Amino acid sequence: MQWALAVIVLSMLSAMVVWFSLDRSHWALIRNNINDGLDFQKTVMEKRELEESNKKLKEQILVLEQSATVDRETIALMQAEDRMIQEELYQLKRELEFYQGVMDATKDITGLNIQRVHIDSLTTPRTYRIKVVLTHLAKDVTVAKGVLNISVEGLLDAKIKRYDIQDIAEEGTPDLSYNFRNYLRFQNVFVLPDGFEPRKVVIRLQANDSKISPIINSYDWQAILSGEQQNVGT
């Protein structure tokens, strides 16, 4: 357990080093609109607080286990809480890795770009959270405006089927328009219909300016679910 915590702490420190080691010119391009920078700092703080809580909880469990009169049910409850904290730490580690990947990838990218796509499997069956990061790195103050389309393609009853994100979103219809200068993160929770076997996720950016060609990327479902993002074409 101590080894696992050490790995998490080292991962967090690595993410922080990457974040703060960005050169000034690169940071200047995105800092005005990178609201998720606050999310990054909040994530780091939450992680530290969880690690401290986890340490105290382990100490309490140890004391209770050494007591002959302790209620075994109490220990079981505290051990369950310990496992919950471990899971939260794992999720925070993945969040930090997400930020690190975005910052690494944007160093050599200019213009509008689908920078990162990630999917997390949630505890409710067939329920997922998708995160899409868009970047627009330019020397001027141009604003990127348009519409984002996300669809999941796969098989249903052995036939090809596609679901747009707005049709399978867990709550309401998501706002898919974009209007940003440097950085935008879209995320949404969706539920796949029973019997549907996902194969890929297709992301399309259509600018409001009809003279600009749409950007269309396709990603293997299993690859982005495991964190190994790779555009496989359309």
Protein backbone atom coordinates (compact mmCIF):
# COMPACT_ATOMS: atom_id res chain seq x y z
CA MET A 1 0.00 0.00 0.00
CA GLN A 2 2.82 2.41 0.89
CA TRP A 3 4.46 1.64 -2.45
CA ALA A 4 1.22 2.47 -4.29
CA LEU A 5 0.90 5.79 -2.45
CA ALA A 6 4.51 6.62 -3.28
CA VAL A 7 3.81 6.03 -6.98
CA ILE A 8 0.77 8.32 -6.81
CA VAL A 9 2.74 11.07 -5.09
CA LEU A 10 5.55 10.81 -7.65
CA SER A 11 3.01 10.98 -10.48
CA MET A 12 1.49 14.10 -8.94
CA LEU A 13 4.91 15.76 -8.60
CA SER A 14 5.73 14.85 -12.20
CA ALA A 15 2.51 16.45 -13.43
CA MET A 16 3.25 19.60 -11.45
CA VAL A 17 6.77 19.83 -12.87
CA VAL A 18 5.41 19.56 -16.42
CA TRP A 19 2.76 22.17 -15.70
CA PHE A 20 5.13 24.75 -14.30
CA SER A 21 8.02 24.06 -16.68
CA LEU A 22 6.10 25.30 -19.73
CA ASP A 23 8.01 28.13 -21.39
CA ARG A 24 6.55 31.62 -20.89
CA SER A 25 5.52 32.14 -24.50
CA HIS A 26 3.58 28.88 -24.60
CA TRP A 27 1.85 29.62 -21.30
CA ALA A 28 0.96 33.15 -22.46
CA LEU A 29 -0.99 31.68 -25.37
CA ILE A 30 -3.38 29.72 -23.19
CA ARG A 31 -3.44 31.25 -19.71
CA ASN A 32 -6.19 33.80 -20.47
CA ASN A 33 -8.83 31.18 -21.17
CA ILE A 34 -7.51 28.09 -19.41
CA ASN A 35 -10.16 27.89 -16.75
CA ASP A 36 -9.21 24.30 -16.17
CA GLY A 37 -5.93 25.57 -14.75
CA LEU A 38 -7.97 26.25 -11.63
CA ASP A 39 -9.26 22.70 -11.84
CA PHE A 40 -5.68 21.47 -11.96
CA GLN A 41 -4.72 23.36 -8.80
CA LYS A 42 -7.91 22.22 -7.09
CA THR A 43 -7.16 18.63 -8.08
CA VAL A 44 -3.67 18.85 -6.56
CA MET A 45 -5.08 20.28 -3.31
CA GLU A 46 -7.81 17.64 -3.13
CA LYS A 47 -5.22 14.94 -3.66
CA ARG A 48 -3.08 16.23 -0.82
CA GLU A 49 -6.08 16.40 1.50
CA LEU A 50 -7.12 12.86 0.59
CA GLU A 51 -3.63 11.52 1.21
CA GLU A 52 -3.58 13.16 4.65
CA SER A 53 -7.03 11.77 5.47
CA ASN A 54 -5.95 8.35 4.28
CA LYS A 55 -2.86 8.45 6.51
CA LYS A 56 -4.92 9.35 9.59
CA LEU A 57 -7.49 6.70 8.80
CA LYS A 58 -4.85 3.99 8.52
CA GLU A 59 -3.46 5.03 11.90
CA GLN A 60 -6.92 4.80 13.44
CA ILE A 61 -7.50 1.37 11.92
CA LEU A 62 -4.17 0.15 13.31
CA VAL A 63 -5.06 1.37 16.82
CA LEU A 64 -8.49 -0.25 16.66
CA GLU A 65 -7.10 -3.56 15.42
CA GLN A 66 -4.78 -3.66 18.41
CA SER A 67 -7.66 -3.19 20.83
CA ALA A 68 -9.25 -6.39 22.13
CA THR A 69 -12.63 -4.74 22.74
CA VAL A 70 -13.12 -3.05 19.39
CA ASP A 71 -16.20 -3.76 17.35
CA ARG A 72 -15.15 -5.70 14.23
CA GLU A 73 -17.95 -4.02 12.28
CA THR A 74 -16.38 -0.63 13.04
CA ILE A 75 -13.06 -1.80 11.62
CA ALA A 76 -14.82 -3.15 8.51
CA LEU A 77 -16.51 0.22 7.95
CA MET A 78 -13.24 2.09 8.32
CA GLN A 79 -11.50 -0.30 5.95
CA ALA A 80 -14.28 0.31 3.42
CA GLU A 81 -13.71 4.05 3.79
CA ASP A 82 -10.01 3.47 3.24
CA ARG A 83 -10.77 1.69 -0.03
CA MET A 84 -12.99 4.60 -1.13
CA ILE A 85 -10.15 7.03 -0.49
CA GLN A 86 -7.80 4.83 -2.51
CA GLU A 87 -10.26 4.93 -5.41
CA GLU A 88 -10.53 8.73 -5.20
CA LEU A 89 -6.75 9.01 -5.18
CA TYR A 90 -6.62 6.85 -8.30
CA GLN A 91 -9.16 9.06 -10.09
CA LEU A 92 -7.23 12.20 -9.12
CA LYS A 93 -4.04 10.62 -10.44
CA ARG A 94 -5.75 10.04 -13.78
CA GLU A 95 -6.97 13.64 -13.79
CA LEU A 96 -3.41 14.91 -13.28
CA GLU A 97 -2.19 12.64 -16.06
CA PHE A 98 -4.89 14.11 -18.30
CA TYR A 99 -3.61 17.66 -17.71
CA GLN A 100 -0.02 16.56 -18.23
CA GLY A 101 -0.90 15.00 -21.58
CA VAL A 102 -2.65 18.16 -22.74
CA MET A 103 0.25 20.41 -21.79
CA ASP A 104 2.81 18.14 -23.44
CA ALA A 105 0.84 17.89 -26.67
CA THR A 106 0.12 21.59 -27.17
CA LYS A 107 3.77 22.66 -27.37
CA ASP A 108 4.03 22.09 -31.13
CA ILE A 109 0.42 22.66 -32.17
CA THR A 110 -0.98 25.80 -33.82
CA GLY A 111 -4.46 26.69 -34.98
CA LEU A 112 -7.66 24.88 -33.96
CA ASN A 113 -7.11 21.32 -32.86
CA ILE A 114 -8.84 18.40 -31.14
CA GLN A 115 -6.12 18.07 -28.57
CA ARG A 116 -7.31 15.22 -26.40
CA VAL A 117 -10.20 12.79 -26.06
CA HIS A 118 -10.68 10.64 -22.98
CA ILE A 119 -13.44 8.36 -21.67
CA ASP A 120 -13.92 7.08 -18.12
CA SER A 121 -16.15 4.14 -17.27
CA LEU A 122 -18.38 5.06 -14.32
CA THR A 123 -19.81 2.78 -11.62
CA THR A 124 -23.31 2.69 -13.11
CA PRO A 125 -23.49 0.01 -15.86
CA ARG A 126 -22.99 1.30 -19.42
CA THR A 127 -22.42 4.83 -18.14
CA TYR A 128 -19.36 6.85 -19.22
CA ARG A 129 -17.85 10.31 -18.96
CA ILE A 130 -16.21 11.77 -22.05
CA LYS A 131 -13.73 14.67 -21.98
CA VAL A 132 -12.75 16.52 -25.13
CA VAL A 133 -10.06 19.21 -25.05
CA LEU A 134 -9.93 21.76 -27.87
CA THR A 135 -7.02 24.14 -28.31
CA HIS A 136 -6.68 27.19 -30.52
CA LEU A 137 -3.13 28.51 -30.44
CA ALA A 138 -2.53 31.57 -32.59
CA LYS A 139 -0.33 34.67 -32.50
CA ASP A 140 -3.30 37.03 -32.73
CA VAL A 141 -6.50 37.32 -30.68
CA THR A 142 -8.67 35.32 -33.08
CA VAL A 143 -11.58 33.51 -31.45
CA ALA A 144 -12.60 30.02 -32.57
CA LYS A 145 -16.37 29.73 -33.10
CA GLY A 146 -18.39 26.78 -34.28
CA VAL A 147 -20.17 23.58 -33.33
CA LEU A 148 -18.76 20.39 -31.82
CA ASN A 149 -20.30 17.07 -32.77
CA ILE A 150 -19.56 13.87 -30.86
CA SER A 151 -20.89 10.49 -31.89
CA VAL A 152 -20.33 6.89 -30.83
CA GLU A 153 -20.37 4.29 -33.59
CA GLY A 154 -20.71 0.54 -33.19
CA LEU A 155 -22.96 -2.46 -33.67
CA LEU A 156 -26.54 -3.07 -32.59
CA ASP A 157 -28.12 -6.38 -33.56
CA ALA A 158 -25.17 -6.99 -35.89
CA LYS A 159 -25.89 -3.75 -37.78
CA ILE A 160 -23.84 -0.54 -37.84
CA LYS A 161 -25.36 2.07 -35.53
CA ARG A 162 -24.38 5.61 -34.57
CA TYR A 163 -25.52 7.64 -31.59
CA ASP A 164 -24.92 11.38 -31.29
CA ILE A 165 -23.94 12.49 -27.80
CA GLN A 166 -27.07 14.62 -27.42
CA ASP A 167 -29.22 11.51 -27.93
CA ILE A 168 -27.53 9.46 -25.20
CA ALA A 169 -26.56 12.19 -22.70
CA GLU A 170 -27.55 11.26 -19.15
CA GLU A 171 -29.09 14.64 -18.35
CA GLY A 172 -30.60 17.01 -20.89
CA THR A 173 -29.14 18.19 -24.16
CA PRO A 174 -25.52 19.40 -23.92
CA ASP A 175 -24.43 22.71 -25.42
CA LEU A 176 -22.15 21.76 -28.30
CA SER A 177 -21.33 25.23 -29.57
CA TYR A 178 -17.83 26.56 -28.96
CA ASN A 179 -16.58 30.12 -28.68
CA PHE A 180 -13.12 30.41 -27.17
CA ARG A 181 -9.72 31.92 -27.73
CA ASN A 182 -7.16 29.37 -26.56
CA TYR A 183 -8.52 26.44 -24.61
CA LEU A 184 -11.84 24.67 -24.05
CA ARG A 185 -12.74 21.45 -22.28
CA PHE A 186 -16.06 19.75 -22.94
CA GLN A 187 -17.26 16.91 -20.79
CA ASN A 188 -20.49 14.98 -20.58
CA VAL A 189 -21.88 11.81 -19.01
CA PHE A 190 -23.71 9.47 -21.37
CA VAL A 191 -25.36 6.05 -21.24
CA LEU A 192 -25.02 3.45 -24.00
CA PRO A 193 -28.21 1.58 -24.98
CA ASP A 194 -28.45 -2.10 -24.05
CA GLY A 195 -27.07 -4.41 -26.71
CA PHE A 196 -25.01 -1.67 -28.38
CA GLU A 197 -21.33 -2.53 -28.86
CA PRO A 198 -19.22 0.65 -29.25
CA ARG A 199 -16.36 0.59 -31.74
CA LYS A 200 -15.22 4.17 -32.17
CA VAL A 201 -15.85 7.79 -31.22
CA VAL A 202 -16.03 10.42 -33.96
CA ILE A 203 -15.32 14.08 -33.16
CA ARG A 204 -16.23 16.77 -35.69
CA LEU A 205 -15.53 20.51 -35.47
CA GLN A 206 -17.52 22.68 -37.83
CA ALA A 207 -16.51 26.35 -37.80
CA ASN A 208 -19.14 29.04 -38.22
CA ASP A 209 -17.10 30.33 -41.16
CA SER A 210 -18.19 28.17 -44.08
CA LYS A 211 -14.84 28.79 -45.78
CA ILE A 212 -13.10 26.71 -43.12
CA SER A 213 -13.14 22.96 -43.69
CA PRO A 214 -14.43 20.81 -40.81
CA ILE A 215 -12.00 18.88 -38.63
CA ILE A 216 -13.01 15.23 -38.26
CA ASN A 217 -11.12 12.73 -36.10
CA SER A 218 -12.05 9.14 -35.26
CA TYR A 219 -10.81 7.27 -32.18
CA ASP A 220 -10.87 3.58 -31.32
CA TRP A 221 -13.25 3.03 -28.38
CA GLN A 222 -11.02 0.64 -26.42
CA ALA A 223 -7.95 2.82 -26.98
CA ILE A 224 -9.44 6.00 -25.53
CA LEU A 225 -11.13 4.02 -22.74
CA SER A 226 -7.70 2.78 -21.68
CA GLY A 227 -6.10 6.20 -22.12
CA GLU A 228 -4.19 5.34 -25.30
CA GLN A 229 -5.64 8.06 -27.51
CA GLN A 230 -4.98 7.68 -31.21
CA ASN A 231 -6.73 9.21 -34.19
CA VAL A 232 -7.58 6.35 -36.55
CA GLY A 233 -9.00 8.53 -39.31
CA THR A 234 -12.56 8.87 -40.52
